[in-house]
C-alpha atoms as a PDB file:
ATOM      1  CA  UNK A   1       0.135 -13.358  -3.623  1.00  0.00           C
ATOM      2  CA  UNK A   2       1.137 -12.305  -7.291  1.00  0.00           C
ATOM      3  CA  UNK A   3       3.317  -9.345  -8.092  1.00  0.00           C
ATOM      4  CA  UNK A   4       4.657  -8.196 -11.275  1.00  0.00           C
ATOM      5  CA  UNK A   5       8.376  -7.445 -10.865  1.00  0.00           C
ATOM      6  CA  UNK A   6      11.502  -5.785 -12.382  1.00  0.00           C
ATOM      7  CA  UNK A   7      14.616  -7.595 -11.071  1.00  0.00           C
ATOM      8  CA  UNK A   8      17.204  -5.620 -13.162  1.00  0.00           C
ATOM      9  CA  UNK A   9      17.400  -2.144 -15.557  1.00  0.00           C
ATOM     10  CA  UNK A  10      15.839  -3.008 -18.941  1.00  0.00           C
ATOM     11  CA  UNK A  11      14.791  -6.659 -17.496  1.00  0.00           C
ATOM     12  CA  UNK A  12      11.527  -8.204 -18.385  1.00  0.00           C
ATOM     13  CA  UNK A  13       8.269  -7.492 -16.150  1.00  0.00           C
ATOM     14  CA  UNK A  14       8.199 -10.980 -13.972  1.00  0.00           C
ATOM     15  CA  UNK A  15       4.650 -12.477 -12.568  1.00  0.00           C
ATOM     16  CA  UNK A  16       6.172 -14.074  -9.258  1.00  0.00           C
ATOM     17  CA  UNK A  17       4.524 -15.219  -6.214  1.00  0.00           C
ATOM     18  CA  UNK A  18       5.759 -12.883  -2.718  1.00  0.00           C
ATOM     19  CA  UNK A  19       4.210 -13.153   0.664  1.00  0.00           C
ATOM     20  CA  UNK A  20       1.812 -10.871   1.482  1.00  0.00           C
ATOM     21  CA  UNK A  21       3.462  -7.639   3.447  1.00  0.00           C
ATOM     22  CA  UNK A  22       2.946  -6.633   6.820  1.00  0.00           C
ATOM     23  CA  UNK A  23       2.021  -2.435   7.555  1.00  0.00           C
ATOM     24  CA  UNK A  24       4.082  -0.961  10.015  1.00  0.00           C
ATOM     25  CA  UNK A  25       3.336   1.949  12.439  1.00  0.00           C
ATOM     26  CA  UNK A  26       1.611   4.733  10.294  1.00  0.00           C
ATOM     27  CA  UNK A  27       1.176   2.146   7.316  1.00  0.00           C
ATOM     28  CA  UNK A  28      -1.463   0.881   5.705  1.00  0.00           C
ATOM     29  CA  UNK A  29      -2.147  -2.400   3.537  1.00  0.00           C
ATOM     30  CA  UNK A  30      -3.898  -1.624   0.121  1.00  0.00           C
ATOM     31  CA  UNK A  31      -5.856  -4.613  -1.525  1.00  0.00           C
ATOM     32  CA  UNK A  32      -5.335  -3.561  -5.277  1.00  0.00           C
ATOM     33  CA  UNK A  33      -8.113  -3.538  -7.705  1.00  0.00           C
ATOM     34  CA  UNK A  34      -6.710  -1.823 -10.432  1.00  0.00           C
ATOM     35  CA  UNK A  35      -3.192   0.008 -11.481  1.00  0.00           C
ATOM     36  CA  UNK A  36      -2.998   2.401 -14.050  1.00  0.00           C
ATOM     37  CA  UNK A  37       0.182   2.561 -16.246  1.00  0.00           C
ATOM     38  CA  UNK A  38       1.882   5.211 -16.868  1.00  0.00           C
ATOM     39  CA  UNK A  39       5.264   6.414 -18.972  1.00  0.00           C
ATOM     40  CA  UNK A  40       6.908   6.991 -16.083  1.00  0.00           C
ATOM     41  CA  UNK A  41       6.865   3.447 -15.183  1.00  0.00           C
ATOM     42  CA  UNK A  42       9.851   3.601 -17.621  1.00  0.00           C
ATOM     43  CA  UNK A  43      12.270   4.926 -15.075  1.00  0.00           C
ATOM     44  CA  UNK A  44      11.767   1.767 -13.015  1.00  0.00           C
ATOM     45  CA  UNK A  45      11.755  -0.675 -16.148  1.00  0.00           C
ATOM     46  CA  UNK A  46      14.925   1.084 -17.584  1.00  0.00           C
ATOM     47  CA  UNK A  47      16.924   1.631 -14.155  1.00  0.00           C
ATOM     48  CA  UNK A  48      16.812   5.719 -14.934  1.00  0.00           C
ATOM     49  CA  UNK A  49      16.081   6.634 -11.512  1.00  0.00           C
ATOM     50  CA  UNK A  50      19.129   7.215  -9.327  1.00  0.00           C
ATOM     51  CA  UNK A  51      19.488   4.650  -6.575  1.00  0.00           C
ATOM     52  CA  UNK A  52      16.836   2.750  -7.572  1.00  0.00           C
ATOM     53  CA  UNK A  53      16.778  -0.835  -5.552  1.00  0.00           C
ATOM     54  CA  UNK A  54      15.748  -4.436  -7.242  1.00  0.00           C
ATOM     55  CA  UNK A  55      13.555  -6.161  -7.663  1.00  0.00           C
ATOM     56  CA  UNK A  56      10.997  -3.403  -7.821  1.00  0.00           C
ATOM     57  CA  UNK A  57       7.022  -3.770  -8.319  1.00  0.00           C
ATOM     58  CA  UNK A  58       5.948  -0.427 -10.553  1.00  0.00           C
ATOM     59  CA  UNK A  59       3.144   1.104 -10.665  1.00  0.00           C
ATOM     60  CA  UNK A  60       1.605   4.631  -8.952  1.00  0.00           C
ATOM     61  CA  UNK A  61      -2.060   5.019 -10.302  1.00  0.00           C
ATOM     62  CA  UNK A  62      -3.382   2.479  -7.397  1.00  0.00           C
ATOM     63  CA  UNK A  63      -7.029   2.119  -6.690  1.00  0.00           C
ATOM     64  CA  UNK A  64      -7.907  -0.115  -4.433  1.00  0.00           C
ATOM     65  CA  UNK A  65      -9.717  -1.229  -0.311  1.00  0.00           C
ATOM     66  CA  UNK A  66      -7.589  -0.674   2.758  1.00  0.00           C
ATOM     67  CA  UNK A  67      -7.084  -4.351   3.949  1.00  0.00           C
ATOM     68  CA  UNK A  68      -5.065  -3.564   7.237  1.00  0.00           C
ATOM     69  CA  UNK A  69      -3.867  -0.623   8.996  1.00  0.00           C
ATOM     70  CA  UNK A  70      -0.651  -0.315  11.436  1.00  0.00           C
ATOM     71  CA  UNK A  71      -0.394   1.203  14.471  1.00  0.00           C
ATOM     72  CA  UNK A  72      -0.619   4.810  14.795  1.00  0.00           C
ATOM     73  CA  UNK A  73      -2.848   5.428  11.549  1.00  0.00           C
ATOM     74  CA  UNK A  74      -5.545   7.608  12.241  1.00  0.00           C
ATOM     75  CA  UNK A  75      -8.937   8.270  10.673  1.00  0.00           C
ATOM     76  CA  UNK A  76      -8.309   5.436   8.055  1.00  0.00           C
ATOM     77  CA  UNK A  77     -10.229   2.300   7.979  1.00  0.00           C
ATOM     78  CA  UNK A  78     -10.645  -1.403   6.790  1.00  0.00           C
ATOM     79  CA  UNK A  79     -12.742  -1.605   4.156  1.00  0.00           C
ATOM     80  CA  UNK A  80     -12.418   2.249   2.765  1.00  0.00           C
ATOM     81  CA  UNK A  81     -12.040   2.736  -1.158  1.00  0.00           C
ATOM     82  CA  UNK A  82      -8.640   4.654  -1.698  1.00  0.00           C
ATOM     83  CA  UNK A  83      -6.474   5.757  -4.418  1.00  0.00           C
ATOM     84  CA  UNK A  84      -2.598   6.227  -4.218  1.00  0.00           C
ATOM     85  CA  UNK A  85      -0.276   8.222  -6.460  1.00  0.00           C
ATOM     86  CA  UNK A  86       3.162   8.987  -7.705  1.00  0.00           C
ATOM     87  CA  UNK A  87       3.839  10.458  -3.934  1.00  0.00           C
ATOM     88  CA  UNK A  88       3.832   7.825  -1.526  1.00  0.00           C
ATOM     89  CA  UNK A  89       5.164   9.468   1.345  1.00  0.00           C
ATOM     90  CA  UNK A  90       7.119  12.603   2.366  1.00  0.00           C
ATOM     91  CA  UNK A  91       9.550  13.446   5.042  1.00  0.00           C
ATOM     92  CA  UNK A  92       8.022  16.485   6.635  1.00  0.00           C
ATOM     93  CA  UNK A  93      10.849  18.081   8.073  1.00  0.00           C
ATOM     94  CA  UNK A  94      13.077  19.833   4.657  1.00  0.00           C
ATOM     95  CA  UNK A  95      12.535  22.723   3.469  1.00  0.00           C
ATOM     96  CA  UNK A  96       9.685  22.317   0.818  1.00  0.00           C
ATOM     97  CA  UNK A  97       7.873  19.776   3.481  1.00  0.00           C
ATOM     98  CA  UNK A  98       8.123  22.705   6.101  1.00  0.00           C
ATOM     99  CA  UNK A  99       6.635  25.188   3.452  1.00  0.00           C
ATOM    100  CA  UNK A 100       3.941  22.499   2.476  1.00  0.00           C
ATOM    101  CA  UNK A 101       5.220  21.916  -0.720  1.00  0.00           C
ATOM    102  CA  UNK A 102       4.945  18.125   0.015  1.00  0.00           C
ATOM    103  CA  UNK A 103       5.340  17.019  -4.049  1.00  0.00           C
ATOM    104  CA  UNK A 104       8.643  18.611  -4.054  1.00  0.00           C
ATOM    105  CA  UNK A 105       9.712  16.876  -0.821  1.00  0.00           C
ATOM    106  CA  UNK A 106      13.747  16.496  -0.830  1.00  0.00           C
ATOM    107  CA  UNK A 107      13.008  13.038   0.382  1.00  0.00           C
ATOM    108  CA  UNK A 108      10.039  11.737  -1.008  1.00  0.00           C
ATOM    109  CA  UNK A 109       8.837   7.940  -1.621  1.00  0.00           C
ATOM    110  CA  UNK A 110       8.035   7.721  -4.823  1.00  0.00           C
ATOM    111  CA  UNK A 111       5.342   5.212  -5.706  1.00  0.00           C
ATOM    112  CA  UNK A 112       6.627   2.141  -7.737  1.00  0.00           C
ATOM    113  CA  UNK A 113      10.150   3.632  -8.175  1.00  0.00           C
ATOM    114  CA  UNK A 114      11.641   3.769  -4.335  1.00  0.00           C
ATOM    115  CA  UNK A 115       8.583   1.918  -3.021  1.00  0.00           C
ATOM    116  CA  UNK A 116       7.233  -1.253  -4.334  1.00  0.00           C
ATOM    117  CA  UNK A 117       3.960  -0.009  -6.439  1.00  0.00           C
ATOM    118  CA  UNK A 118       0.239  -1.229  -7.604  1.00  0.00           C
ATOM    119  CA  UNK A 119       1.839  -4.226  -9.709  1.00  0.00           C
ATOM    120  CA  UNK A 120       0.792  -6.514  -7.357  1.00  0.00           C
ATOM    121  CA  UNK A 121      -2.550  -7.560  -5.196  1.00  0.00           C
ATOM    122  CA  UNK A 122      -1.183  -5.986  -2.222  1.00  0.00           C
ATOM    123  CA  UNK A 123       0.584  -2.835  -1.665  1.00  0.00           C
ATOM    124  CA  UNK A 124       1.689  -1.338   1.913  1.00  0.00           C
ATOM    125  CA  UNK A 125       2.060   2.561   1.745  1.00  0.00           C
ATOM    126  CA  UNK A 126       2.192   5.392   4.514  1.00  0.00           C
ATOM    127  CA  UNK A 127      -1.185   6.714   5.330  1.00  0.00           C
ATOM    128  CA  UNK A 128      -0.167  10.071   4.127  1.00  0.00           C
ATOM    129  CA  UNK A 129      -0.378   8.593   0.528  1.00  0.00           C
ATOM    130  CA  UNK A 130      -4.121   7.357   0.438  1.00  0.00           C
ATOM    131  CA  UNK A 131      -7.040   9.258  -1.049  1.00  0.00           C
ATOM    132  CA  UNK A 132     -10.624   8.676  -0.592  1.00  0.00           C
ATOM    133  CA  UNK A 133     -12.480   7.224  -3.946  1.00  0.00           C
ATOM    134  CA  UNK A 134     -15.960   8.386  -4.355  1.00  0.00           C
ATOM    135  CA  UNK A 135     -18.619   5.616  -4.799  1.00  0.00           C
ATOM    136  CA  UNK A 136     -19.386   7.151  -8.297  1.00  0.00           C
ATOM    137  CA  UNK A 137     -15.591   6.441  -9.604  1.00  0.00           C
ATOM    138  CA  UNK A 138     -14.825   2.608 -10.349  1.00  0.00           C
ATOM    139  CA  UNK A 139     -11.643   1.644  -9.364  1.00  0.00           C
ATOM    140  CA  UNK A 140     -10.458   1.087 -13.107  1.00  0.00           C
ATOM    141  CA  UNK A 141     -11.108   4.315 -13.611  1.00  0.00           C
ATOM    142  CA  UNK A 142      -9.875   6.038 -10.332  1.00  0.00           C
ATOM    143  CA  UNK A 143      -6.032   4.514 -10.882  1.00  0.00           C
ATOM    144  CA  UNK A 144      -5.256   6.650 -14.382  1.00  0.00           C
ATOM    145  CA  UNK A 145      -6.986   9.642 -12.312  1.00  0.00           C
ATOM    146  CA  UNK A 146      -4.246   9.405  -9.663  1.00  0.00           C
ATOM    147  CA  UNK A 147      -1.420  10.415 -12.089  1.00  0.00           C
ATOM    148  CA  UNK A 148      -2.529  11.662 -15.346  1.00  0.00           C
ATOM    149  CA  UNK A 149      -5.803  13.292 -13.895  1.00  0.00           C
ATOM    150  CA  UNK A 150      -4.438  15.050 -10.838  1.00  0.00           C
ATOM    151  CA  UNK A 151      -1.289  16.144 -12.818  1.00  0.00           C
ATOM    152  CA  UNK A 152      -3.992  17.806 -15.549  1.00  0.00           C
ATOM    153  CA  UNK A 153      -6.190  18.835 -12.773  1.00  0.00           C
ATOM    154  CA  UNK A 154      -4.114  20.229 -10.107  1.00  0.00           C
ATOM    155  CA  UNK A 155      -1.482  22.498 -13.079  1.00  0.00           C
ATOM    156  CA  UNK A 156      -4.798  23.582 -14.444  1.00  0.00           C
ATOM    157  CA  UNK A 157      -6.374  25.068 -10.908  1.00  0.00           C
ATOM    158  CA  UNK A 158      -2.902  26.737  -9.984  1.00  0.00           C
ATOM    159  CA  UNK A 159      -2.589  28.619 -13.479  1.00  0.00           C
ATOM    160  CA  UNK A 160      -4.012  31.478 -12.065  1.00  0.00           C
ATOM    161  CA  UNK A 161      -6.631  31.123 -15.304  1.00  0.00           C
ATOM    162  CA  UNK A 162     -10.078  32.297 -14.300  1.00  0.00           C
ATOM    163  CA  UNK A 163     -13.441  31.036 -16.236  1.00  0.00           C
ATOM    164  CA  UNK A 164     -13.733  32.494 -19.681  1.00  0.00           C
ATOM    165  CA  UNK A 165     -10.417  32.336 -20.221  1.00  0.00           C
ATOM    166  CA  UNK A 166      -8.868  30.902 -23.517  1.00  0.00           C
ATOM    167  CA  UNK A 167      -7.019  27.760 -22.168  1.00  0.00           C
ATOM    168  CA  UNK A 168      -4.945  25.532 -25.034  1.00  0.00           C
ATOM    169  CA  UNK A 169      -3.958  21.805 -24.534  1.00  0.00           C
ATOM    170  CA  UNK A 170      -1.365  20.829 -26.819  1.00  0.00           C
ATOM    171  CA  UNK A 171      -1.858  16.526 -27.309  1.00  0.00           C
ATOM    172  CA  UNK A 172      -4.633  14.656 -27.370  1.00  0.00           C
ATOM    173  CA  UNK A 173      -3.383  11.366 -25.586  1.00  0.00           C
ATOM    174  CA  UNK A 174      -3.093   9.901 -22.019  1.00  0.00           C
ATOM    175  CA  UNK A 175      -2.823  13.134 -20.374  1.00  0.00           C
ATOM    176  CA  UNK A 176      -4.438  15.356 -22.905  1.00  0.00           C
ATOM    177  CA  UNK A 177      -7.778  13.730 -23.027  1.00  0.00           C
ATOM    178  CA  UNK A 178      -8.460  14.672 -19.606  1.00  0.00           C
ATOM    179  CA  UNK A 179      -7.130  17.860 -19.365  1.00  0.00           C
ATOM    180  CA  UNK A 180      -9.463  18.854 -22.474  1.00  0.00           C
ATOM    181  CA  UNK A 181     -12.216  17.692 -20.141  1.00  0.00           C
ATOM    182  CA  UNK A 182     -10.940  19.345 -17.307  1.00  0.00           C
ATOM    183  CA  UNK A 183     -10.870  22.590 -18.529  1.00  0.00           C
ATOM    184  CA  UNK A 184     -14.123  22.477 -20.717  1.00  0.00           C
ATOM    185  CA  UNK A 185     -15.569  21.722 -17.217  1.00  0.00           C
ATOM    186  CA  UNK A 186     -14.047  24.260 -15.373  1.00  0.00           C
ATOM    187  CA  UNK A 187     -14.921  27.072 -17.640  1.00  0.00           C
ATOM    188  CA  UNK A 188     -12.705  27.881 -19.718  1.00  0.00           C
ATOM    189  CA  UNK A 189     -12.362  28.816 -23.253  1.00  0.00           C
ATOM    190  CA  UNK A 190     -10.986  25.249 -24.467  1.00  0.00           C
ATOM    191  CA  UNK A 191      -8.800  25.067 -27.338  1.00  0.00           C
ATOM    192  CA  UNK A 192      -7.645  21.421 -28.436  1.00  0.00           C
ATOM    193  CA  UNK A 193      -4.020  21.026 -30.598  1.00  0.00           C
ATOM    194  CA  UNK A 194      -2.692  17.569 -31.957  1.00  0.00           C
ATOM    195  CA  UNK A 195      -1.867  16.647 -35.329  1.00  0.00           C
ATOM    196  CA  UNK A 196      -4.009  15.285 -38.102  1.00  0.00           C
ATOM    197  CA  UNK A 197      -7.671  16.273 -38.666  1.00  0.00           C
ATOM    198  CA  UNK A 198      -8.669  12.842 -37.514  1.00  0.00           C
ATOM    199  CA  UNK A 199      -8.415  13.721 -33.899  1.00  0.00           C
ATOM    200  CA  UNK A 200     -11.075  16.875 -34.117  1.00  0.00           C
ATOM    201  CA  UNK A 201     -14.335  14.890 -33.805  1.00  0.00           C
ATOM    202  CA  UNK A 202     -13.066  13.374 -30.187  1.00  0.00           C
ATOM    203  CA  UNK A 203     -11.280  16.796 -29.215  1.00  0.00           C
ATOM    204  CA  UNK A 204     -15.198  18.073 -29.634  1.00  0.00           C
ATOM    205  CA  UNK A 205     -16.699  15.495 -27.809  1.00  0.00           C
ATOM    206  CA  UNK A 206     -14.227  15.743 -24.849  1.00  0.00           C
ATOM    207  CA  UNK A 207     -15.097  19.745 -24.449  1.00  0.00           C
ATOM    208  CA  UNK A 208     -13.358  21.632 -26.699  1.00  0.00           C
ATOM    209  CA  UNK A 209     -14.338  24.708 -28.446  1.00  0.00           C
ATOM    210  CA  UNK A 210     -11.875  25.108 -31.240  1.00  0.00           C
ATOM    211  CA  UNK A 211      -9.638  22.396 -33.150  1.00  0.00           C
ATOM    212  CA  UNK A 212      -6.008  23.260 -34.028  1.00  0.00           C
ATOM    213  CA  UNK A 213      -4.352  20.693 -36.679  1.00  0.00           C
ATOM    214  CA  UNK A 214      -0.424  21.685 -35.935  1.00  0.00           C
ATOM    215  CA  UNK A 215       0.452  20.062 -39.204  1.00  0.00           C
ATOM    216  CA  UNK A 216      -1.795  22.372 -40.890  1.00  0.00           C
ATOM    217  CA  UNK A 217       0.481  25.655 -40.629  1.00  0.00           C
ATOM    218  CA  UNK A 218       1.677  27.508 -37.855  1.00  0.00           C
ATOM    219  CA  UNK A 219      -0.207  26.232 -34.479  1.00  0.00           C
ATOM    220  CA  UNK A 220       1.034  29.901 -32.645  1.00  0.00           C
ATOM    221  CA  UNK A 221      -0.532  32.006 -35.437  1.00  0.00           C
ATOM    222  CA  UNK A 222      -3.608  30.191 -35.760  1.00  0.00           C
ATOM    223  CA  UNK A 223      -3.853  30.483 -31.569  1.00  0.00           C
ATOM    224  CA  UNK A 224      -3.763  34.198 -32.199  1.00  0.00           C
ATOM    225  CA  UNK A 225      -6.214  34.453 -34.666  1.00  0.00           C
ATOM    226  CA  UNK A 226      -8.509  33.148 -31.282  1.00  0.00           C
ATOM    227  CA  UNK A 227      -7.110  35.810 -29.645  1.00  0.00           C
ATOM    228  CA  UNK A 228      -4.106  34.182 -28.174  1.00  0.00           C
ATOM    229  CA  UNK A 229      -3.989  31.649 -24.887  1.00  0.00           C
ATOM    230  CA  UNK A 230      -3.749  32.558 -21.304  1.00  0.00           C
ATOM    231  CA  UNK A 231      -2.547  29.117 -20.573  1.00  0.00           C
ATOM    232  CA  UNK A 232      -1.105  26.353 -22.723  1.00  0.00           C
ATOM    233  CA  UNK A 233      -0.930  23.275 -21.278  1.00  0.00           C
ATOM    234  CA  UNK A 234       1.860  21.113 -22.714  1.00  0.00           C
ATOM    235  CA  UNK A 235       1.239  17.151 -22.189  1.00  0.00           C
ATOM    236  CA  UNK A 236       2.886  16.336 -25.051  1.00  0.00           C
ATOM    237  CA  UNK A 237       6.489  14.846 -24.546  1.00  0.00           C
ATOM    238  CA  UNK A 238       8.094  16.610 -27.556  1.00  0.00           C
ATOM    239  CA  UNK A 239      10.399  20.042 -27.115  1.00  0.00           C
ATOM    240  CA  UNK A 240       9.649  21.412 -30.309  1.00  0.00           C
ATOM    241  CA  UNK A 241       6.441  20.953 -30.419  1.00  0.00           C
ATOM    242  CA  UNK A 242       5.953  22.897 -26.943  1.00  0.00           C
ATOM    243  CA  UNK A 243       8.269  26.170 -28.708  1.00  0.00           C
ATOM    244  CA  UNK A 244       5.811  26.051 -31.677  1.00  0.00           C
ATOM    245  CA  UNK A 245       3.381  27.046 -29.617  1.00  0.00           C
ATOM    246  CA  UNK A 246       4.999  30.130 -27.517  1.00  0.00           C
ATOM    247  CA  UNK A 247       4.322  33.009 -29.968  1.00  0.00           C
ATOM    248  CA  UNK A 248       0.020  31.459 -29.343  1.00  0.00           C
ATOM    249  CA  UNK A 249       0.480  32.676 -25.581  1.00  0.00           C
ATOM    250  CA  UNK A 250      -1.691  35.969 -24.709  1.00  0.00           C
ATOM    251  CA  UNK A 251      -0.144  38.874 -22.688  1.00  0.00           C
ATOM    252  CA  UNK A 252       0.548  37.331 -19.168  1.00  0.00           C
ATOM    253  CA  UNK A 253       0.469  33.942 -21.051  1.00  0.00           C
ATOM    254  CA  UNK A 254       2.278  30.591 -19.798  1.00  0.00           C
ATOM    255  CA  UNK A 255       2.865  27.478 -21.125  1.00  0.00           C
ATOM    256  CA  UNK A 256       2.449  25.004 -18.448  1.00  0.00           C
ATOM    257  CA  UNK A 257       5.388  21.700 -19.564  1.00  0.00           C
ATOM    258  CA  UNK A 258       3.673  18.601 -18.292  1.00  0.00           C
ATOM    259  CA  UNK A 259       5.213  16.268 -20.781  1.00  0.00           C
ATOM    260  CA  UNK A 260       8.855  15.340 -19.795  1.00  0.00           C
ATOM    261  CA  UNK A 261      11.348  15.731 -22.858  1.00  0.00           C
ATOM    262  CA  UNK A 262      15.527  15.879 -22.185  1.00  0.00           C
ATOM    263  CA  UNK A 263      15.822  17.551 -25.671  1.00  0.00           C
ATOM    264  CA  UNK A 264      16.285  21.546 -24.871  1.00  0.00           C
ATOM    265  CA  UNK A 265      13.371  23.500 -25.885  1.00  0.00           C
ATOM    266  CA  UNK A 266      14.046  26.275 -28.351  1.00  0.00           C
ATOM    267  CA  UNK A 267      13.428  29.779 -27.362  1.00  0.00           C
ATOM    268  CA  UNK A 268      12.982  33.023 -29.300  1.00  0.00           C
ATOM    269  CA  UNK A 269      12.768  34.862 -25.568  1.00  0.00           C
ATOM    270  CA  UNK A 270      11.988  38.370 -27.001  1.00  0.00           C
ATOM    271  CA  UNK A 271       8.586  37.460 -27.350  1.00  0.00           C
ATOM    272  CA  UNK A 272       8.302  36.130 -23.857  1.00  0.00           C
ATOM    273  CA  UNK A 273       9.574  39.729 -22.466  1.00  0.00           C
ATOM    274  CA  UNK A 274       7.381  42.164 -24.071  1.00  0.00           C
ATOM    275  CA  UNK A 275       4.027  39.519 -23.082  1.00  0.00           C
ATOM    276  CA  UNK A 276       5.567  39.068 -19.797  1.00  0.00           C
ATOM    277  CA  UNK A 277       4.534  35.646 -20.626  1.00  0.00           C
ATOM    278  CA  UNK A 278       6.622  32.315 -18.967  1.00  0.00           C
ATOM    279  CA  UNK A 279       7.160  28.539 -19.272  1.00  0.00           C
ATOM    280  CA  UNK A 280       6.158  26.870 -16.149  1.00  0.00           C
ATOM    281  CA  UNK A 281       6.731  23.026 -15.135  1.00  0.00           C
ATOM    282  CA  UNK A 282       4.080  21.263 -12.885  1.00  0.00           C
ATOM    283  CA  UNK A 283       4.571  17.914 -11.176  1.00  0.00           C
ATOM    284  CA  UNK A 284       1.576  16.184  -9.854  1.00  0.00           C
ATOM    285  CA  UNK A 285       0.639  16.971  -6.018  1.00  0.00           C
ATOM    286  CA  UNK A 286      -0.079  15.469  -2.966  1.00  0.00           C
ATOM    287  CA  UNK A 287      -2.908  13.118  -1.939  1.00  0.00           C
ATOM    288  CA  UNK A 288      -5.183  15.859  -0.796  1.00  0.00           C
ATOM    289  CA  UNK A 289      -4.671  17.000  -4.412  1.00  0.00           C
ATOM    290  CA  UNK A 290      -5.532  13.501  -5.471  1.00  0.00           C
ATOM    291  CA  UNK A 291      -8.834  13.849  -3.747  1.00  0.00           C
ATOM    292  CA  UNK A 292      -9.997  16.979  -4.892  1.00  0.00           C
ATOM    293  CA  UNK A 293      -9.243  15.633  -8.295  1.00  0.00           C
ATOM    294  CA  UNK A 294     -11.430  12.338  -7.835  1.00  0.00           C
ATOM    295  CA  UNK A 295     -14.427  14.705  -5.971  1.00  0.00           C
ATOM    296  CA  UNK A 296     -14.087  17.116  -9.139  1.00  0.00           C
ATOM    297  CA  UNK A 297     -14.457  14.114 -11.251  1.00  0.00           C
ATOM    298  CA  UNK A 298     -17.058  12.707  -9.855  1.00  0.00           C
ATOM    299  CA  UNK A 299     -19.107  15.826  -9.637  1.00  0.00           C
ATOM    300  CA  UNK A 300     -18.583  16.505 -13.642  1.00  0.00           C
ATOM    301  CA  UNK A 301     -18.260  13.600 -14.976  1.00  0.00           C
ATOM    302  CA  UNK A 302     -14.289  13.797 -16.192  1.00  0.00           C
ATOM    303  CA  UNK A 303     -13.628   9.874 -16.859  1.00  0.00           C
ATOM    304  CA  UNK A 304     -10.134   8.601 -18.628  1.00  0.00           C
ATOM    305  CA  UNK A 305     -10.694   6.661 -21.680  1.00  0.00           C
ATOM    306  CA  UNK A 306      -9.118   2.968 -20.772  1.00  0.00           C
ATOM    307  CA  UNK A 307      -7.851  -0.246 -22.320  1.00  0.00           C
ATOM    308  CA  UNK A 308      -7.672  -3.467 -19.548  1.00  0.00           C
ATOM    309  CA  UNK A 309      -5.461  -6.196 -18.854  1.00  0.00           C
ATOM    310  CA  UNK A 310      -5.290  -8.902 -16.304  1.00  0.00           C
ATOM    311  CA  UNK A 311      -2.116  -8.704 -13.704  1.00  0.00           C
ATOM    312  CA  UNK A 312      -0.636 -11.921 -15.673  1.00  0.00           C
ATOM    313  CA  UNK A 313      -0.706 -10.077 -18.877  1.00  0.00           C
ATOM    314  CA  UNK A 314       1.199  -6.943 -17.154  1.00  0.00           C
ATOM    315  CA  UNK A 315       3.836  -7.012 -19.894  1.00  0.00           C
ATOM    316  CA  UNK A 316       1.462  -6.894 -23.071  1.00  0.00           C
ATOM    317  CA  UNK A 317      -0.154  -3.945 -21.034  1.00  0.00           C
ATOM    318  CA  UNK A 318       2.738  -2.052 -20.292  1.00  0.00           C
ATOM    319  CA  UNK A 319       4.230  -3.026 -24.071  1.00  0.00           C
ATOM    320  CA  UNK A 320       0.810  -1.510 -24.780  1.00  0.00           C
ATOM    321  CA  UNK A 321       1.226   1.481 -23.573  1.00  0.00           C
ATOM    322  CA  UNK A 322       4.820   2.581 -24.378  1.00  0.00           C
ATOM    323  CA  UNK A 323       3.807   1.766 -28.113  1.00  0.00           C
ATOM    324  CA  UNK A 324       1.488   4.854 -27.650  1.00  0.00           C
ATOM    325  CA  UNK A 325      -1.293   3.001 -29.275  1.00  0.00           C
ATOM    326  CA  UNK A 326      -3.523   2.912 -26.161  1.00  0.00           C
ATOM    327  CA  UNK A 327      -6.463   4.827 -26.028  1.00  0.00           C
ATOM    328  CA  UNK A 328      -5.695   6.317 -23.755  1.00  0.00           C
ATOM    329  CA  UNK A 329      -4.602   4.712 -20.512  1.00  0.00           C
ATOM    330  CA  UNK A 330      -3.853   1.423 -20.091  1.00  0.00           C
ATOM    331  CA  UNK A 331      -4.947  -0.131 -16.584  1.00  0.00           C
ATOM    332  CA  UNK A 332      -3.824  -3.625 -14.662  1.00  0.00           C
ATOM    333  CA  UNK A 333      -6.758  -5.573 -13.042  1.00  0.00           C
ATOM    334  CA  UNK A 334      -6.069  -7.991 -10.165  1.00  0.00           C
ATOM    335  CA  UNK A 335      -9.990  -9.605 -10.161  1.00  0.00           C
ATOM    336  CA  UNK A 336     -10.282  -8.399  -6.241  1.00  0.00           C
END
């Protein structure tokens, strides 16, 4: 089979020939049809994940078809359409797992980082990683929903916000363009915040009722003019931009951080105290959360905006993704 691997930190994406892997007990082999690219793939490409072993095949936004199953695999059948996201497996015995918080497993397998991912024609994963893809959703659309989709959908539905509450989405990019759609379809009074007036038509098309240009004045003040935001979903990877919105929270409001930025965030804590406001982080979710995301997307029409590249052009696809010029998710296809 064809596979695209990274052989060393900072090395190129190499197209190589590999043996088709065989699934072991409690594992399935999936024939990959599409794999979305995520900024977190940098962790594999640049070697930022502690203990990563090379060569490694990146990719954790996988959509395909079950091709074979090992022993002791319940329920799953050859021919089923399935997706695989960030969480490639969990131990089941650490404290987070024992409490049912599988995505925070202390010993988790991460697709494309600790195990080989979807930049190849076949991938082997534990059956616990699988989510059913509805017939209404293409493999190209399903791939990004396994990461950008689940992260935005799952965070929104766990904020405590209720239909009619004001929810702001900071950033209209790979995550943000999905977050606006999900927030609107969930019945939230959706506000989009981004840089420049040119993004307003798209934000409104995606379901935002209001648009705030963060380059034209104080975004927090603009949010307060609307009545304040119960939730701000921060999809940007800029701590300063996140901090600039904090004053726009309403009483008991939350800033939910999805975009990772190692830069410290400046805080004015008095505003948090008197509003009982808070800052929270949110990872993606487990495979059943991915399945919920896919089913909700099929039901409501939420879809990612994608650009596709064939597997042999994985380096071009990666460069397009990392440039931040993609509109909005880059997806590799295998031709299967």
